[in-house]
Protein backbone atom coordinates (compact mmCIF):
# COMPACT_ATOMS: atom_id res chain seq x y z
CA MET A 1 -22.12 46.60 211.57
CA VAL A 2 -23.03 49.16 214.22
CA ALA A 3 -26.42 50.83 214.67
CA PHE A 4 -27.19 53.96 216.69
CA ILE A 5 -30.73 54.68 217.87
CA PRO A 6 -31.29 58.14 219.38
CA GLY A 7 -34.71 58.62 220.88
CA ARG A 8 -36.95 60.28 223.42
CA ALA A 9 -39.80 58.82 225.47
CA GLN A 10 -41.78 59.64 228.60
CA SER A 11 -39.08 57.78 230.54
CA GLY A 12 -36.33 60.06 229.18
CA ALA A 13 -33.91 60.51 226.28
CA PHE A 14 -31.38 57.90 225.23
CA VAL A 15 -29.03 56.57 222.58
CA GLN A 16 -29.05 52.82 222.03
CA ILE A 17 -26.14 51.04 220.37
CA ILE A 18 -26.11 47.57 218.86
CA SER A 19 -23.39 45.59 217.12
CA PRO A 20 -22.71 41.87 216.62
CA GLU A 21 -20.88 41.92 219.96
CA GLY A 22 -23.76 43.26 222.05
CA SER A 23 -26.05 46.18 222.84
CA ARG A 24 -26.29 48.99 225.38
CA GLN A 25 -28.52 51.91 226.24
CA CYS A 26 -27.00 55.24 227.25
CA LYS A 27 -29.19 57.79 229.00
CA VAL A 28 -28.67 61.36 227.85
CA SER A 29 -29.60 64.49 229.74
CA HIS A 30 -30.66 66.51 226.70
CA LEU A 31 -32.00 65.62 223.26
CA SER A 32 -33.20 68.15 220.68
CA VAL A 33 -34.40 67.93 217.08
CA ARG A 34 -34.01 71.06 214.97
CA GLY A 35 -33.80 71.33 211.21
CA GLY A 36 -33.47 67.58 210.80
CA VAL A 37 -30.50 67.46 213.20
CA ILE A 38 -30.67 65.40 216.39
CA ARG A 39 -28.40 66.44 219.23
CA ALA A 40 -28.08 64.13 222.23
CA ASP A 41 -25.50 65.42 224.72
CA GLY A 42 -22.19 65.01 222.84
CA CYS A 43 -23.76 63.14 219.89
CA ARG A 44 -25.02 64.62 216.66
CA PHE A 45 -27.08 62.87 213.96
CA SER A 46 -28.00 64.37 210.59
CA ARG A 47 -28.27 63.54 206.90
CA ARG A 48 -24.57 64.36 206.56
CA GLY A 49 -23.40 61.89 209.18
CA CYS A 50 -23.14 61.20 212.87
CA ARG A 51 -20.73 62.15 215.64
CA ILE A 52 -20.68 59.88 218.67
CA ARG A 53 -19.44 60.86 222.13
CA LEU A 54 -20.67 58.33 224.68
CA PRO A 55 -19.01 56.35 227.50
CA GLY A 56 -16.76 53.79 225.78
CA VAL A 57 -17.97 54.81 222.32
CA HIS A 58 -16.63 57.63 220.16
CA GLY A 59 -16.10 58.42 216.49
CA GLU A 60 -17.54 60.06 213.41
CA ILE A 61 -19.15 58.65 210.25
CA ARG A 62 -19.80 60.81 207.20
CA TYR A 63 -22.60 60.05 204.73
CA ALA A 64 -22.81 60.49 200.98
CA PRO A 65 -26.22 61.77 199.75
CA PHE A 66 -29.17 59.69 200.94
CA SER A 67 -31.10 57.30 198.69
CA PRO A 68 -34.72 57.92 199.74
CA LEU A 69 -37.78 56.06 198.56
CA GLY A 70 -40.03 57.58 195.93
CA SER A 71 -42.81 58.13 198.50
CA ASP A 72 -43.68 57.55 202.16
CA ILE A 73 -43.37 53.85 203.07
CA MET A 74 -46.62 54.13 205.09
CA GLY A 75 -48.61 55.00 201.98
CA PRO A 76 -52.15 56.23 202.76
CA PHE A 77 -51.81 55.04 206.36
CA ARG A 78 -49.65 58.11 207.03
CA PHE A 79 -52.89 60.12 207.14
CA PHE A 80 -54.37 58.04 210.01
CA PRO A 81 -53.48 57.94 213.71
CA MET A 82 -51.23 54.92 214.29
CA GLU A 83 -49.56 53.61 217.44
CA CYS A 84 -46.30 53.34 215.47
CA ARG A 85 -45.36 55.31 212.36
CA HIS A 86 -42.40 54.02 210.36
CA GLY A 87 -40.25 56.01 207.96
CA VAL A 88 -37.35 55.15 205.65
CA LEU A 89 -34.86 57.97 205.22
CA SER A 90 -32.26 56.22 203.07
CA MET A 91 -32.07 52.72 201.61
CA ALA A 92 -28.35 52.92 200.87
CA HIS A 93 -25.68 55.62 201.13
CA ARG A 94 -21.90 55.43 201.11
CA LEU A 95 -19.94 55.86 204.33
CA GLN A 96 -16.60 57.22 205.45
CA GLY A 97 -15.16 57.33 208.94
CA SER A 98 -14.87 55.08 211.96
CA VAL A 99 -16.22 54.40 215.44
CA THR A 100 -14.41 52.89 218.41
CA VAL A 101 -16.47 50.73 220.80
CA ASP A 102 -14.70 49.67 224.00
CA GLY A 103 -11.34 49.94 222.25
CA ARG A 104 -12.42 48.07 219.10
CA LEU A 105 -12.22 50.07 215.88
CA TYR A 106 -15.05 49.79 213.35
CA ASP A 107 -13.82 51.17 210.02
CA PHE A 108 -16.65 52.22 207.69
CA ARG A 109 -14.61 53.48 204.75
CA GLY A 110 -16.42 52.37 201.59
CA GLY A 111 -19.30 50.90 203.59
CA THR A 112 -23.03 51.29 203.04
CA GLY A 113 -25.48 52.92 205.43
CA TYR A 114 -29.21 52.69 206.08
CA ALA A 115 -31.41 55.15 208.00
CA GLU A 116 -34.99 54.92 209.23
CA THR A 117 -37.29 56.45 211.85
CA ASP A 118 -40.07 55.37 214.18
CA SER A 119 -42.51 57.55 216.10
CA GLY A 120 -45.62 56.96 218.15
CA THR A 121 -46.47 55.41 221.51
CA SER A 122 -45.86 51.65 221.13
CA PHE A 123 -44.25 49.11 218.86
CA PRO A 124 -46.69 46.53 217.45
CA ARG A 125 -47.56 43.71 219.84
CA SER A 126 -46.09 41.26 217.34
CA TYR A 127 -43.96 41.87 214.27
CA LEU A 128 -41.08 40.78 212.07
CA TRP A 129 -38.54 43.25 210.70
CA VAL A 130 -35.57 42.53 208.47
CA GLN A 131 -33.13 44.82 206.69
CA CYS A 132 -30.04 44.23 204.55
CA ASN A 133 -28.04 46.29 202.08
CA ASP A 134 -24.89 44.17 201.85
CA PHE A 135 -25.47 41.86 198.89
CA PRO A 136 -23.06 40.87 196.07
CA GLN A 137 -25.05 43.21 193.79
CA PRO A 138 -26.37 46.75 194.47
CA CYS A 139 -29.48 45.84 196.46
CA SER A 140 -31.05 47.16 199.65
CA LEU A 141 -34.10 45.56 201.25
CA MET A 142 -36.34 46.28 204.22
CA LEU A 143 -39.46 44.39 205.20
CA SER A 144 -41.84 44.50 208.12
CA ILE A 145 -44.90 42.39 208.82
CA ALA A 146 -46.83 43.40 211.92
CA ARG A 147 -50.09 43.13 213.80
CA ILE A 148 -51.63 46.58 213.33
CA PRO A 149 -54.44 47.88 215.56
CA PHE A 150 -56.70 50.09 213.46
CA CYS A 151 -60.09 51.65 214.23
CA GLY A 152 -60.83 49.20 217.03
CA LEU A 153 -59.80 46.15 215.00
CA ALA A 154 -56.47 44.60 214.04
CA PHE A 155 -54.97 43.30 210.81
CA ARG A 156 -51.67 41.87 209.63
CA GLY A 157 -49.95 44.58 207.64
CA CYS A 158 -46.89 44.49 205.43
CA ILE A 159 -44.48 47.10 204.14
CA CYS A 160 -41.52 46.15 201.99
CA ALA A 161 -39.16 48.29 199.96
CA ILE A 162 -36.38 47.09 197.67
CA LEU A 163 -33.85 49.23 195.85
CA TYR A 164 -32.12 47.08 193.23
CA ARG A 165 -29.71 48.59 190.74
CA GLY A 166 -31.37 51.98 191.19
CA LYS A 167 -34.95 50.72 190.67
CA GLU A 168 -37.47 50.68 193.50
CA TYR A 169 -39.85 47.79 194.12
CA ARG A 170 -42.62 48.29 196.68
CA LEU A 171 -44.80 45.55 198.16
CA ALA A 172 -47.34 46.66 200.75
CA THR A 173 -50.78 46.05 202.17
CA TYR A 174 -52.03 49.28 200.60
CA ARG A 175 -50.86 47.94 197.21
CA GLY A 176 -52.63 44.61 197.57
CA VAL A 177 -49.74 42.40 198.67
CA GLY A 178 -50.60 38.84 199.61
CA ILE A 179 -48.75 37.22 202.51
CA ARG A 180 -48.68 33.62 201.27
CA ILE A 181 -46.16 32.21 203.76
CA PHE A 182 -45.16 33.84 207.03
CA THR A 183 -42.89 32.08 209.50
CA PRO A 184 -39.87 33.43 211.43
CA GLN A 185 -37.57 31.75 208.88
CA HIS A 186 -39.47 31.91 205.59
CA ILE A 187 -41.66 34.53 203.91
CA ARG A 188 -43.38 34.56 200.55
CA LEU A 189 -45.16 37.65 199.25
CA THR A 190 -47.04 38.13 196.01
CA GLN A 191 -48.30 41.33 194.45
CA GLY A 192 -49.44 41.40 190.85
CA PRO A 193 -46.57 40.02 188.76
CA LEU A 194 -44.08 40.16 191.67
CA THR A 195 -43.11 37.35 194.04
CA LEU A 196 -40.63 37.85 196.85
CA GLU A 197 -39.21 34.97 198.87
CA LEU A 198 -37.01 35.38 201.92
CA ASP A 199 -35.12 32.73 203.85
CA ILE A 200 -33.81 33.96 207.19
CA ALA A 201 -31.33 32.06 209.36
CA PRO A 202 -30.43 33.84 212.62
CA THR A 203 -27.35 32.34 214.26
CA ARG A 204 -28.12 33.63 217.78
CA ALA A 205 -31.05 34.78 219.87
CA GLY A 206 -30.02 38.39 219.36
CA HIS A 207 -29.18 41.26 221.69
CA PRO A 208 -31.70 43.10 223.90
CA LEU A 209 -33.01 46.52 222.92
CA ARG A 210 -35.53 48.69 224.73
CA ALA A 211 -38.75 49.40 222.84
CA PRO A 212 -41.68 51.76 223.46
CA GLU A 213 -44.84 50.65 225.22
CA GLN A 214 -47.50 53.27 225.94
CA GLY A 215 -44.90 56.01 225.58
CA LYS A 216 -42.27 54.49 227.89
CA MET A 217 -39.20 52.47 226.96
CA SER A 218 -40.39 49.60 229.15
CA TYR A 219 -40.49 46.76 226.62
CA THR A 220 -37.58 44.52 225.64
CA ILE A 221 -37.10 43.11 222.16
CA ARG A 222 -34.11 41.29 220.69
CA GLU A 223 -32.31 42.17 217.48
CA SER A 224 -30.03 39.77 215.63
CA CYS A 225 -27.11 41.19 213.66
CA ASN A 226 -25.34 39.49 210.76
CA VAL A 227 -28.04 36.91 210.07
CA HIS A 228 -27.91 34.87 206.88
CA LEU A 229 -30.50 36.08 204.40
CA ARG A 230 -31.50 34.82 200.97
CA ALA A 231 -33.77 37.09 198.94
CA LYS A 232 -35.31 36.13 195.60
CA LEU A 233 -37.52 38.45 193.57
CA THR A 234 -39.30 37.29 190.44
CA GLN A 235 -41.48 39.23 188.01
CA ARG A 236 -43.89 37.28 185.82
CA GLY A 237 -41.92 34.17 186.63
CA LYS A 238 -38.58 35.65 185.55
CA THR A 239 -35.89 36.10 188.19
CA VAL A 240 -35.04 39.74 188.91
CA PHE A 241 -32.43 38.75 191.50
CA ASP A 242 -31.52 35.83 193.74
CA LEU A 243 -29.03 37.08 196.33
CA GLN A 244 -27.58 36.01 199.67
CA SER A 245 -25.89 37.87 202.49
CA ASP A 246 -24.48 37.08 205.92
CA HIS A 247 -25.08 40.65 207.11
CA GLY A 248 -28.84 40.97 207.54
CA VAL A 249 -30.44 42.53 210.61
CA TYR A 250 -33.52 40.88 212.07
CA GLU A 251 -36.17 41.27 214.77
CA PHE A 252 -39.05 38.91 215.49
CA VAL A 253 -41.62 39.35 218.24
CA PRO A 254 -44.23 36.54 218.30
CA ASP A 255 -47.87 37.17 219.07
CA ILE A 256 -48.63 36.13 222.65
CA PRO A 257 -51.71 36.63 224.85
CA HIS A 258 -51.78 39.74 227.02
CA GLY A 259 -50.48 39.14 230.53
CA GLN A 260 -47.82 36.63 229.49
CA GLN A 261 -44.14 37.43 229.33
CA ASN A 262 -42.48 37.42 225.95
CA LEU A 263 -39.66 34.90 226.30
CA PHE A 264 -36.81 34.40 223.84
């Protein structure tokens, strides 16, 4: 597992890299976005793949056609000003190619990719995010539960998308989802006839990543790679799937009072 995060903030342009072995942030002198293609110095990111040319990191990964969601994951909230706007570009697409990180070769032939976007000024003050598309059956899942400031107030919002055997399941605040249990290790959601349960077991504290705060990459979060994840979806009491993976990706930022440091 390797993730690349190209971005631009008031504090400059960058490409962040994270793998189970660690994370790093590389400053870039120039970043442009034209026609859906991101160019960051010697790197190139598009729907067809990515080419990486960074200190200690180089390679190329080619993508099969994307598997997008049926509609915007933000639902009606995409029409309102938000401090962070999330987008899912592809839940699962096949990969070819390789990347070398500090002399270690990551071979992605036959692998599965995932692509998403974030834009805005700040990440939520507290949130949980989990993503996995490496299950024993064709299944890709992403879920985020966050404290959302909205019109002078705040609420706990949820977006969750599942692509299982070609069928999309969507659980979200704007569809009436109920967050019945919410802890860093266990989540239970209900929406109409659907119930989703997640058990999350991070093995480490995770690696540091820079995150936006008021337009600057001045905030540090931690992302855990290759966490153990069990996901069970039922519909009207009948099991749709009950799957486990050791290759989930996970972030959790607890809600703390302003003025205190977020310690991990």
